[in-house]
N, C-alpha and C. Protein backbone atom coordinates (compact mmCIF):
# COMPACT_ATOMS: atom_id res chain seq x y z
N MET A 1 2.31 25.50 -114.78
CA MET A 1 3.18 26.59 -115.15
C MET A 1 3.55 27.40 -113.90
N ASN A 2 4.73 27.95 -113.93
CA ASN A 2 5.27 28.71 -112.81
C ASN A 2 5.07 30.21 -113.04
N TYR A 3 4.54 30.91 -112.05
CA TYR A 3 4.35 32.37 -112.10
C TYR A 3 5.48 33.01 -111.31
N ARG A 4 6.16 33.97 -111.93
CA ARG A 4 7.30 34.59 -111.25
C ARG A 4 7.56 35.98 -111.84
N PRO A 5 8.35 36.78 -111.10
CA PRO A 5 8.76 38.07 -111.67
C PRO A 5 9.63 37.82 -112.91
N ALA A 6 9.49 38.68 -113.88
CA ALA A 6 10.32 38.58 -115.08
C ALA A 6 11.76 38.96 -114.73
N LYS A 7 12.70 38.35 -115.46
CA LYS A 7 14.13 38.64 -115.29
C LYS A 7 14.65 39.23 -116.59
N GLU A 8 15.78 39.92 -116.47
CA GLU A 8 16.38 40.51 -117.68
C GLU A 8 16.69 39.43 -118.72
N SER A 9 16.99 38.24 -118.28
CA SER A 9 17.27 37.15 -119.23
C SER A 9 16.03 36.75 -120.04
N ASP A 10 14.84 37.15 -119.58
CA ASP A 10 13.60 36.87 -120.31
C ASP A 10 13.38 37.86 -121.45
N LEU A 11 14.14 38.95 -121.47
CA LEU A 11 13.87 40.05 -122.39
C LEU A 11 13.74 39.62 -123.86
N PRO A 12 14.65 38.81 -124.41
CA PRO A 12 14.48 38.43 -125.83
C PRO A 12 13.16 37.71 -126.08
N ARG A 13 12.79 36.82 -125.20
CA ARG A 13 11.53 36.07 -125.37
C ARG A 13 10.32 37.00 -125.23
N LEU A 14 10.36 37.90 -124.25
CA LEU A 14 9.23 38.81 -124.04
C LEU A 14 9.10 39.80 -125.19
N THR A 15 10.22 40.25 -125.72
CA THR A 15 10.20 41.14 -126.89
C THR A 15 9.62 40.41 -128.09
N SER A 16 10.03 39.18 -128.30
CA SER A 16 9.50 38.37 -129.40
C SER A 16 7.99 38.15 -129.23
N MET A 17 7.57 37.86 -128.02
CA MET A 17 6.15 37.64 -127.73
C MET A 17 5.34 38.90 -128.06
N SER A 18 5.84 40.06 -127.66
CA SER A 18 5.11 41.29 -127.94
C SER A 18 5.10 41.59 -129.44
N GLN A 19 6.20 41.27 -130.15
CA GLN A 19 6.24 41.46 -131.60
C GLN A 19 5.22 40.56 -132.30
N GLN A 20 5.04 39.33 -131.79
CA GLN A 20 4.01 38.44 -132.34
C GLN A 20 2.63 39.08 -132.20
N ALA A 21 2.36 39.65 -131.02
CA ALA A 21 1.06 40.28 -130.77
C ALA A 21 0.87 41.50 -131.67
N ILE A 22 1.91 42.30 -131.82
CA ILE A 22 1.84 43.48 -132.69
C ILE A 22 1.50 43.06 -134.12
N ALA A 23 2.15 42.02 -134.60
CA ALA A 23 1.89 41.52 -135.96
C ALA A 23 0.47 40.97 -136.08
N TYR A 24 0.02 40.26 -135.04
CA TYR A 24 -1.35 39.71 -135.03
C TYR A 24 -2.37 40.84 -135.11
N PHE A 25 -2.18 41.88 -134.29
CA PHE A 25 -3.12 43.01 -134.30
C PHE A 25 -3.13 43.67 -135.68
N ARG A 26 -1.96 43.91 -136.23
CA ARG A 26 -1.86 44.55 -137.54
C ARG A 26 -2.58 43.71 -138.60
N ALA A 27 -2.33 42.41 -138.61
CA ALA A 27 -2.95 41.52 -139.60
C ALA A 27 -4.47 41.46 -139.47
N ASN A 28 -4.98 41.72 -138.26
CA ASN A 28 -6.41 41.66 -138.03
C ASN A 28 -7.07 43.04 -137.97
N GLY A 29 -6.33 44.06 -138.42
CA GLY A 29 -6.90 45.41 -138.50
C GLY A 29 -7.19 46.05 -137.16
N ILE A 30 -6.46 45.64 -136.12
CA ILE A 30 -6.65 46.20 -134.78
C ILE A 30 -5.53 47.21 -134.53
N ASP A 31 -5.91 48.45 -134.30
CA ASP A 31 -4.95 49.53 -134.12
C ASP A 31 -4.48 49.60 -132.66
N GLN A 32 -4.02 48.48 -132.15
CA GLN A 32 -3.49 48.42 -130.79
C GLN A 32 -2.03 48.03 -130.88
N TRP A 33 -1.20 48.65 -130.06
CA TRP A 33 0.24 48.37 -130.01
C TRP A 33 0.90 48.63 -131.37
N GLN A 34 0.40 49.60 -132.12
CA GLN A 34 0.95 49.91 -133.43
C GLN A 34 1.73 51.22 -133.46
N LYS A 35 1.93 51.83 -132.28
CA LYS A 35 2.55 53.15 -132.22
C LYS A 35 3.83 53.16 -131.39
N GLY A 36 4.51 52.03 -131.33
CA GLY A 36 5.81 52.00 -130.66
C GLY A 36 5.86 51.35 -129.30
N GLU A 37 4.73 51.03 -128.74
CA GLU A 37 4.69 50.34 -127.44
C GLU A 37 3.86 49.08 -127.60
N PRO A 38 4.18 48.01 -126.93
CA PRO A 38 5.32 47.88 -126.02
C PRO A 38 6.64 47.78 -126.78
N SER A 39 7.64 48.38 -126.22
CA SER A 39 8.98 48.36 -126.81
C SER A 39 9.91 47.56 -125.92
N GLU A 40 11.05 47.19 -126.46
CA GLU A 40 12.04 46.46 -125.67
C GLU A 40 12.47 47.30 -124.46
N GLU A 41 12.62 48.60 -124.67
CA GLU A 41 13.02 49.49 -123.57
C GLU A 41 11.95 49.52 -122.48
N GLY A 42 10.69 49.60 -122.88
CA GLY A 42 9.59 49.62 -121.92
C GLY A 42 9.49 48.32 -121.13
N ILE A 43 9.69 47.22 -121.83
CA ILE A 43 9.65 45.92 -121.16
C ILE A 43 10.78 45.82 -120.15
N LEU A 44 11.98 46.24 -120.56
CA LEU A 44 13.13 46.20 -119.66
C LEU A 44 12.89 47.11 -118.44
N ARG A 45 12.33 48.27 -118.66
CA ARG A 45 12.03 49.19 -117.55
C ARG A 45 11.07 48.53 -116.56
N SER A 46 10.03 47.86 -117.07
CA SER A 46 9.07 47.18 -116.19
C SER A 46 9.73 46.04 -115.42
N ILE A 47 10.68 45.34 -116.04
CA ILE A 47 11.42 44.29 -115.35
C ILE A 47 12.22 44.90 -114.20
N LYS A 48 12.93 45.98 -114.49
CA LYS A 48 13.77 46.62 -113.48
C LYS A 48 12.94 47.23 -112.35
N GLU A 49 11.71 47.65 -112.66
CA GLU A 49 10.82 48.23 -111.64
C GLU A 49 10.04 47.14 -110.90
N HIS A 50 10.29 45.88 -111.23
CA HIS A 50 9.64 44.73 -110.58
C HIS A 50 8.12 44.75 -110.77
N LYS A 51 7.68 45.16 -111.95
CA LYS A 51 6.25 45.22 -112.27
C LYS A 51 5.82 44.15 -113.27
N LEU A 52 6.77 43.49 -113.92
CA LEU A 52 6.46 42.55 -114.99
C LEU A 52 6.58 41.12 -114.47
N TYR A 53 5.54 40.33 -114.73
CA TYR A 53 5.49 38.93 -114.29
C TYR A 53 5.28 38.04 -115.51
N VAL A 54 5.74 36.80 -115.37
CA VAL A 54 5.58 35.84 -116.46
C VAL A 54 5.04 34.52 -115.92
N LEU A 55 4.39 33.81 -116.81
CA LEU A 55 4.09 32.40 -116.61
C LEU A 55 5.13 31.67 -117.43
N GLU A 56 5.84 30.76 -116.81
CA GLU A 56 6.87 30.04 -117.56
C GLU A 56 6.55 28.55 -117.59
N GLU A 57 6.99 27.95 -118.66
CA GLU A 57 6.86 26.51 -118.82
C GLU A 57 8.21 26.00 -119.33
N ALA A 58 8.74 25.03 -118.65
CA ALA A 58 10.05 24.46 -119.00
C ALA A 58 11.13 25.54 -119.09
N GLY A 59 11.05 26.52 -118.19
CA GLY A 59 12.06 27.57 -118.13
C GLY A 59 11.87 28.72 -119.08
N ASP A 60 10.90 28.63 -120.00
CA ASP A 60 10.65 29.70 -120.96
C ASP A 60 9.37 30.44 -120.64
N ALA A 61 9.40 31.76 -120.76
CA ALA A 61 8.20 32.57 -120.56
C ALA A 61 7.18 32.24 -121.63
N ALA A 62 5.95 31.96 -121.20
CA ALA A 62 4.87 31.65 -122.13
C ALA A 62 3.83 32.76 -122.18
N ALA A 63 3.86 33.64 -121.18
CA ALA A 63 2.91 34.76 -121.12
C ALA A 63 3.49 35.82 -120.19
N MET A 64 3.05 37.06 -120.39
CA MET A 64 3.53 38.14 -119.52
C MET A 64 2.39 39.09 -119.19
N ILE A 65 2.60 39.82 -118.09
CA ILE A 65 1.63 40.80 -117.62
C ILE A 65 2.36 41.82 -116.77
N THR A 66 1.94 43.07 -116.88
CA THR A 66 2.49 44.13 -116.04
C THR A 66 1.47 44.47 -114.97
N LEU A 67 1.91 44.53 -113.71
CA LEU A 67 1.07 44.90 -112.59
C LEU A 67 1.49 46.29 -112.13
N ALA A 68 0.58 47.24 -112.17
CA ALA A 68 0.88 48.62 -111.80
C ALA A 68 -0.09 49.08 -110.72
N ARG A 69 0.44 49.54 -109.62
CA ARG A 69 -0.41 50.02 -108.55
C ARG A 69 -1.05 51.34 -108.98
N GLY A 70 -2.39 51.42 -108.82
CA GLY A 70 -3.11 52.64 -109.15
C GLY A 70 -2.82 53.71 -108.11
N PRO A 71 -3.23 54.93 -108.36
CA PRO A 71 -4.13 55.32 -109.45
C PRO A 71 -3.40 55.51 -110.79
N GLU A 72 -4.14 55.28 -111.83
CA GLU A 72 -3.67 55.45 -113.20
C GLU A 72 -4.32 56.71 -113.78
N LEU A 73 -3.53 57.57 -114.37
CA LEU A 73 -4.05 58.81 -114.95
C LEU A 73 -5.17 58.53 -115.96
N SER A 74 -5.00 57.50 -116.78
CA SER A 74 -6.00 57.18 -117.80
C SER A 74 -7.32 56.69 -117.21
N TYR A 75 -7.31 56.29 -115.95
CA TYR A 75 -8.51 55.71 -115.34
C TYR A 75 -9.29 56.72 -114.50
N VAL A 76 -8.85 57.98 -114.47
CA VAL A 76 -9.53 59.00 -113.68
C VAL A 76 -10.89 59.33 -114.28
N GLU A 77 -10.92 59.58 -115.59
CA GLU A 77 -12.17 59.92 -116.27
C GLU A 77 -12.64 58.72 -117.08
N ILE A 78 -13.91 58.37 -116.88
CA ILE A 78 -14.48 57.22 -117.59
C ILE A 78 -15.89 57.57 -118.04
N ASP A 79 -16.21 57.18 -119.27
CA ASP A 79 -17.57 57.30 -119.76
C ASP A 79 -18.26 56.02 -119.31
N GLY A 80 -18.87 56.08 -118.14
CA GLY A 80 -19.42 54.92 -117.46
C GLY A 80 -19.07 55.09 -116.00
N SER A 81 -18.90 53.98 -115.27
CA SER A 81 -18.48 54.11 -113.88
C SER A 81 -17.79 52.84 -113.42
N TRP A 82 -16.74 53.03 -112.63
CA TRP A 82 -16.04 51.90 -112.03
C TRP A 82 -16.95 51.25 -111.00
N LEU A 83 -16.67 50.01 -110.66
CA LEU A 83 -17.48 49.28 -109.68
C LEU A 83 -17.36 49.89 -108.29
N ASN A 84 -16.21 50.51 -108.00
CA ASN A 84 -16.00 51.19 -106.72
C ASN A 84 -14.81 52.13 -106.87
N ASP A 85 -14.53 52.86 -105.82
CA ASP A 85 -13.41 53.80 -105.83
C ASP A 85 -12.29 53.35 -104.90
N GLU A 86 -12.26 52.07 -104.59
CA GLU A 86 -11.24 51.54 -103.70
C GLU A 86 -9.89 51.45 -104.41
N PRO A 87 -8.79 51.38 -103.65
CA PRO A 87 -7.46 51.22 -104.26
C PRO A 87 -7.42 49.97 -105.16
N TYR A 88 -6.59 50.03 -106.18
CA TYR A 88 -6.56 48.94 -107.16
C TYR A 88 -5.16 48.78 -107.76
N TYR A 89 -5.00 47.65 -108.41
CA TYR A 89 -3.87 47.42 -109.30
C TYR A 89 -4.42 47.40 -110.70
N ALA A 90 -3.62 47.88 -111.65
CA ALA A 90 -3.99 47.81 -113.06
C ALA A 90 -3.12 46.76 -113.73
N PHE A 91 -3.72 46.01 -114.62
CA PHE A 91 -2.99 45.05 -115.44
C PHE A 91 -2.77 45.68 -116.81
N HIS A 92 -1.55 45.57 -117.30
CA HIS A 92 -1.20 46.09 -118.62
C HIS A 92 -0.36 45.06 -119.37
N ARG A 93 -0.22 45.29 -120.67
CA ARG A 93 0.65 44.49 -121.53
C ARG A 93 0.46 42.99 -121.34
N VAL A 94 -0.80 42.56 -121.31
CA VAL A 94 -1.09 41.13 -121.23
C VAL A 94 -0.76 40.52 -122.58
N CYS A 95 0.08 39.51 -122.58
CA CYS A 95 0.53 38.93 -123.84
C CYS A 95 0.81 37.45 -123.64
N VAL A 96 0.29 36.64 -124.54
CA VAL A 96 0.48 35.19 -124.51
C VAL A 96 1.23 34.78 -125.76
N GLU A 97 2.24 33.94 -125.59
CA GLU A 97 3.02 33.41 -126.72
C GLU A 97 2.07 32.78 -127.73
N SER A 98 2.28 33.05 -129.00
CA SER A 98 1.35 32.61 -130.06
C SER A 98 1.01 31.12 -129.98
N SER A 99 1.99 30.28 -129.73
CA SER A 99 1.74 28.84 -129.69
C SER A 99 0.90 28.41 -128.50
N ARG A 100 0.70 29.29 -127.51
CA ARG A 100 -0.05 28.97 -126.30
C ARG A 100 -1.48 29.51 -126.32
N LYS A 101 -1.81 30.26 -127.36
CA LYS A 101 -3.16 30.84 -127.42
C LYS A 101 -4.21 29.75 -127.52
N GLY A 102 -5.35 30.01 -126.87
CA GLY A 102 -6.47 29.07 -126.91
C GLY A 102 -6.30 27.89 -125.98
N GLN A 103 -5.33 27.96 -125.08
CA GLN A 103 -5.07 26.84 -124.15
C GLN A 103 -5.32 27.22 -122.70
N GLY A 104 -6.00 28.35 -122.47
CA GLY A 104 -6.28 28.77 -121.10
C GLY A 104 -5.13 29.49 -120.42
N THR A 105 -4.10 29.84 -121.18
CA THR A 105 -2.93 30.50 -120.59
C THR A 105 -3.29 31.87 -120.03
N ALA A 106 -4.10 32.64 -120.74
CA ALA A 106 -4.49 33.96 -120.25
C ALA A 106 -5.25 33.83 -118.93
N SER A 107 -6.13 32.85 -118.84
CA SER A 107 -6.88 32.63 -117.59
C SER A 107 -5.94 32.30 -116.44
N GLN A 108 -4.93 31.47 -116.70
CA GLN A 108 -3.95 31.15 -115.66
C GLN A 108 -3.17 32.40 -115.27
N LEU A 109 -2.81 33.21 -116.25
CA LEU A 109 -2.07 34.43 -115.99
C LEU A 109 -2.90 35.39 -115.13
N PHE A 110 -4.17 35.56 -115.46
CA PHE A 110 -5.04 36.41 -114.65
C PHE A 110 -5.17 35.86 -113.23
N ALA A 111 -5.41 34.56 -113.10
CA ALA A 111 -5.59 33.96 -111.77
C ALA A 111 -4.36 34.15 -110.89
N GLN A 112 -3.19 33.92 -111.44
CA GLN A 112 -1.96 34.08 -110.66
C GLN A 112 -1.71 35.55 -110.32
N SER A 113 -1.99 36.44 -111.25
CA SER A 113 -1.79 37.87 -111.02
C SER A 113 -2.77 38.37 -109.97
N GLU A 114 -4.00 37.86 -109.99
CA GLU A 114 -4.98 38.24 -108.97
C GLU A 114 -4.52 37.77 -107.59
N LYS A 115 -3.94 36.58 -107.50
CA LYS A 115 -3.39 36.11 -106.22
C LYS A 115 -2.30 37.05 -105.73
N MET A 116 -1.47 37.53 -106.65
CA MET A 116 -0.41 38.47 -106.29
C MET A 116 -1.01 39.77 -105.75
N VAL A 117 -2.04 40.28 -106.42
CA VAL A 117 -2.70 41.51 -105.98
C VAL A 117 -3.28 41.32 -104.58
N LEU A 118 -3.92 40.19 -104.35
CA LEU A 118 -4.46 39.90 -103.01
C LEU A 118 -3.34 39.84 -101.97
N ALA A 119 -2.24 39.22 -102.32
CA ALA A 119 -1.10 39.11 -101.40
C ALA A 119 -0.54 40.50 -101.06
N LEU A 120 -0.71 41.45 -101.96
CA LEU A 120 -0.26 42.82 -101.72
C LEU A 120 -1.28 43.63 -100.94
N GLY A 121 -2.43 43.00 -100.63
CA GLY A 121 -3.45 43.66 -99.81
C GLY A 121 -4.48 44.47 -100.58
N PHE A 122 -4.62 44.20 -101.87
CA PHE A 122 -5.58 44.91 -102.70
C PHE A 122 -6.68 43.95 -103.15
N PHE A 123 -7.88 44.52 -103.42
CA PHE A 123 -9.03 43.69 -103.78
C PHE A 123 -9.68 44.09 -105.10
N ASN A 124 -9.03 44.99 -105.82
CA ASN A 124 -9.58 45.47 -107.08
C ASN A 124 -8.52 45.47 -108.17
N VAL A 125 -8.96 45.06 -109.36
CA VAL A 125 -8.10 45.09 -110.55
C VAL A 125 -8.85 45.85 -111.64
N ARG A 126 -8.14 46.74 -112.29
CA ARG A 126 -8.68 47.44 -113.46
C ARG A 126 -7.78 47.13 -114.65
N ILE A 127 -8.38 47.11 -115.82
CA ILE A 127 -7.66 46.82 -117.05
C ILE A 127 -8.43 47.45 -118.20
N ASP A 128 -7.72 47.80 -119.26
CA ASP A 128 -8.40 48.32 -120.44
C ASP A 128 -7.93 47.55 -121.67
N THR A 129 -8.75 47.59 -122.70
CA THR A 129 -8.37 46.95 -123.95
C THR A 129 -8.99 47.70 -125.12
N HIS A 130 -8.43 47.49 -126.28
CA HIS A 130 -8.89 48.12 -127.51
C HIS A 130 -10.31 47.64 -127.83
N PRO A 131 -11.18 48.54 -128.31
CA PRO A 131 -12.55 48.13 -128.65
C PRO A 131 -12.62 47.01 -129.71
N ASP A 132 -11.60 46.87 -130.55
CA ASP A 132 -11.60 45.82 -131.57
C ASP A 132 -10.91 44.54 -131.12
N ASN A 133 -10.33 44.53 -129.93
CA ASN A 133 -9.61 43.35 -129.44
C ASN A 133 -10.61 42.39 -128.78
N ARG A 134 -11.35 41.70 -129.62
CA ARG A 134 -12.42 40.82 -129.14
C ARG A 134 -11.89 39.65 -128.32
N SER A 135 -10.72 39.13 -128.67
CA SER A 135 -10.20 37.98 -127.92
C SER A 135 -9.88 38.39 -126.49
N MET A 136 -9.34 39.58 -126.26
CA MET A 136 -9.07 40.03 -124.89
C MET A 136 -10.39 40.31 -124.17
N GLN A 137 -11.36 40.87 -124.85
CA GLN A 137 -12.66 41.12 -124.23
C GLN A 137 -13.28 39.80 -123.76
N ARG A 138 -13.20 38.76 -124.60
CA ARG A 138 -13.74 37.45 -124.21
C ARG A 138 -12.98 36.89 -123.01
N ALA A 139 -11.66 37.01 -123.03
CA ALA A 139 -10.84 36.50 -121.92
C ALA A 139 -11.19 37.23 -120.63
N LEU A 140 -11.36 38.53 -120.70
CA LEU A 140 -11.70 39.30 -119.50
C LEU A 140 -13.07 38.88 -118.95
N GLU A 141 -14.06 38.81 -119.84
CA GLU A 141 -15.40 38.45 -119.39
C GLU A 141 -15.44 37.02 -118.86
N LYS A 142 -14.72 36.11 -119.49
CA LYS A 142 -14.64 34.72 -119.04
C LYS A 142 -14.05 34.64 -117.63
N ASN A 143 -13.16 35.58 -117.30
CA ASN A 143 -12.48 35.56 -116.01
C ASN A 143 -13.09 36.51 -114.98
N GLY A 144 -14.33 36.93 -115.22
CA GLY A 144 -15.07 37.69 -114.21
C GLY A 144 -14.87 39.19 -114.21
N TYR A 145 -14.25 39.73 -115.25
CA TYR A 145 -14.08 41.18 -115.33
C TYR A 145 -15.36 41.79 -115.89
N VAL A 146 -15.74 42.95 -115.34
CA VAL A 146 -16.99 43.60 -115.70
C VAL A 146 -16.68 44.84 -116.54
N LEU A 147 -17.36 44.96 -117.68
CA LEU A 147 -17.21 46.14 -118.53
C LEU A 147 -17.83 47.33 -117.80
N CYS A 148 -17.03 48.36 -117.57
CA CYS A 148 -17.48 49.53 -116.81
C CYS A 148 -17.71 50.76 -117.68
N GLY A 149 -17.20 50.77 -118.89
CA GLY A 149 -17.37 51.92 -119.76
C GLY A 149 -16.19 52.07 -120.71
N ARG A 150 -16.01 53.30 -121.17
CA ARG A 150 -14.94 53.63 -122.09
C ARG A 150 -14.09 54.74 -121.48
N LEU A 151 -12.82 54.75 -121.87
CA LEU A 151 -11.94 55.80 -121.40
C LEU A 151 -10.98 56.17 -122.51
N MET A 152 -10.29 57.28 -122.31
CA MET A 152 -9.28 57.71 -123.27
C MET A 152 -7.92 57.61 -122.59
N LEU A 153 -6.97 56.97 -123.27
CA LEU A 153 -5.63 56.87 -122.72
C LEU A 153 -5.02 58.26 -122.63
N LYS A 154 -4.35 58.53 -121.52
CA LYS A 154 -3.79 59.86 -121.27
C LYS A 154 -2.27 59.89 -121.41
N GLU A 155 -1.62 58.73 -121.46
CA GLU A 155 -0.17 58.68 -121.48
C GLU A 155 0.32 57.70 -122.54
N GLY A 156 1.60 57.79 -122.84
CA GLY A 156 2.23 56.84 -123.73
C GLY A 156 1.98 57.13 -125.20
N SER A 157 2.45 56.22 -126.04
CA SER A 157 2.37 56.42 -127.48
C SER A 157 0.94 56.34 -128.01
N GLU A 158 0.02 55.76 -127.23
CA GLU A 158 -1.37 55.65 -127.67
C GLU A 158 -2.28 56.66 -126.98
N ALA A 159 -1.69 57.71 -126.37
CA ALA A 159 -2.48 58.75 -125.73
C ALA A 159 -3.51 59.30 -126.71
N GLY A 160 -4.74 59.46 -126.24
CA GLY A 160 -5.83 59.94 -127.08
C GLY A 160 -6.68 58.82 -127.65
N ASP A 161 -6.20 57.59 -127.58
CA ASP A 161 -6.96 56.45 -128.10
C ASP A 161 -8.01 55.99 -127.08
N ILE A 162 -9.13 55.53 -127.59
CA ILE A 162 -10.23 55.05 -126.76
C ILE A 162 -10.02 53.57 -126.40
N ARG A 163 -10.36 53.22 -125.17
CA ARG A 163 -10.26 51.84 -124.70
C ARG A 163 -11.51 51.47 -123.92
N LEU A 164 -11.82 50.19 -123.90
CA LEU A 164 -12.88 49.66 -123.04
C LEU A 164 -12.27 49.42 -121.67
N ALA A 165 -13.00 49.82 -120.63
CA ALA A 165 -12.50 49.74 -119.26
C ALA A 165 -13.22 48.62 -118.50
N TYR A 166 -12.44 47.76 -117.87
CA TYR A 166 -12.97 46.63 -117.11
C TYR A 166 -12.45 46.68 -115.68
N GLN A 167 -13.23 46.09 -114.78
CA GLN A 167 -12.80 45.98 -113.38
C GLN A 167 -13.28 44.65 -112.82
N LYS A 168 -12.49 44.14 -111.88
CA LYS A 168 -12.88 42.94 -111.13
C LYS A 168 -12.63 43.20 -109.67
N VAL A 169 -13.63 42.89 -108.86
CA VAL A 169 -13.48 42.96 -107.40
C VAL A 169 -13.12 41.55 -106.96
N LEU A 170 -11.96 41.41 -106.33
CA LEU A 170 -11.49 40.10 -105.89
C LEU A 170 -12.14 39.73 -104.56
N LYS A 171 -12.32 38.46 -104.37
CA LYS A 171 -12.96 37.97 -103.13
C LYS A 171 -12.01 38.14 -101.96
N ARG A 172 -12.54 38.71 -100.91
CA ARG A 172 -11.75 38.89 -99.69
C ARG A 172 -11.71 37.58 -98.94
N GLY A 173 -10.49 37.24 -98.47
CA GLY A 173 -10.28 35.98 -97.76
C GLY A 173 -11.18 35.82 -96.62
């Protein structure tokens, strides 16, 4: 699969992918992405800001991830402790096309995104997920992310919601 920045032409596919995830969370009683985000407008904004990346197969996006350079307001206060206080990138809006789930696509997405972070000169990644999103927790732990504690989101439509906070220190070349 090819890892690349998302393009505006990917928007319908990325919106559909996020809608699949929203429906999956709702059907499984997970109160994540149920308050208006991610939205088509937010996805488009991330594309225009060059923060959204995709894994594509046969020209179609199969997974997406947002890379945001820290610091993140939501990551300032944590019930627990980060692995370090070094500069980091945060991963957000990790989403895999429904037909690709369970095939290692999330692991490929993390690996490629970590390479991008290293290429940008950073060695730390932080990410958060809903306490009930067990599949993301498993994916993070499988890919070497360490549970650091809990935090409260400070921005966006889910401000005030609790999330599990993870961090990974990338290997220096």
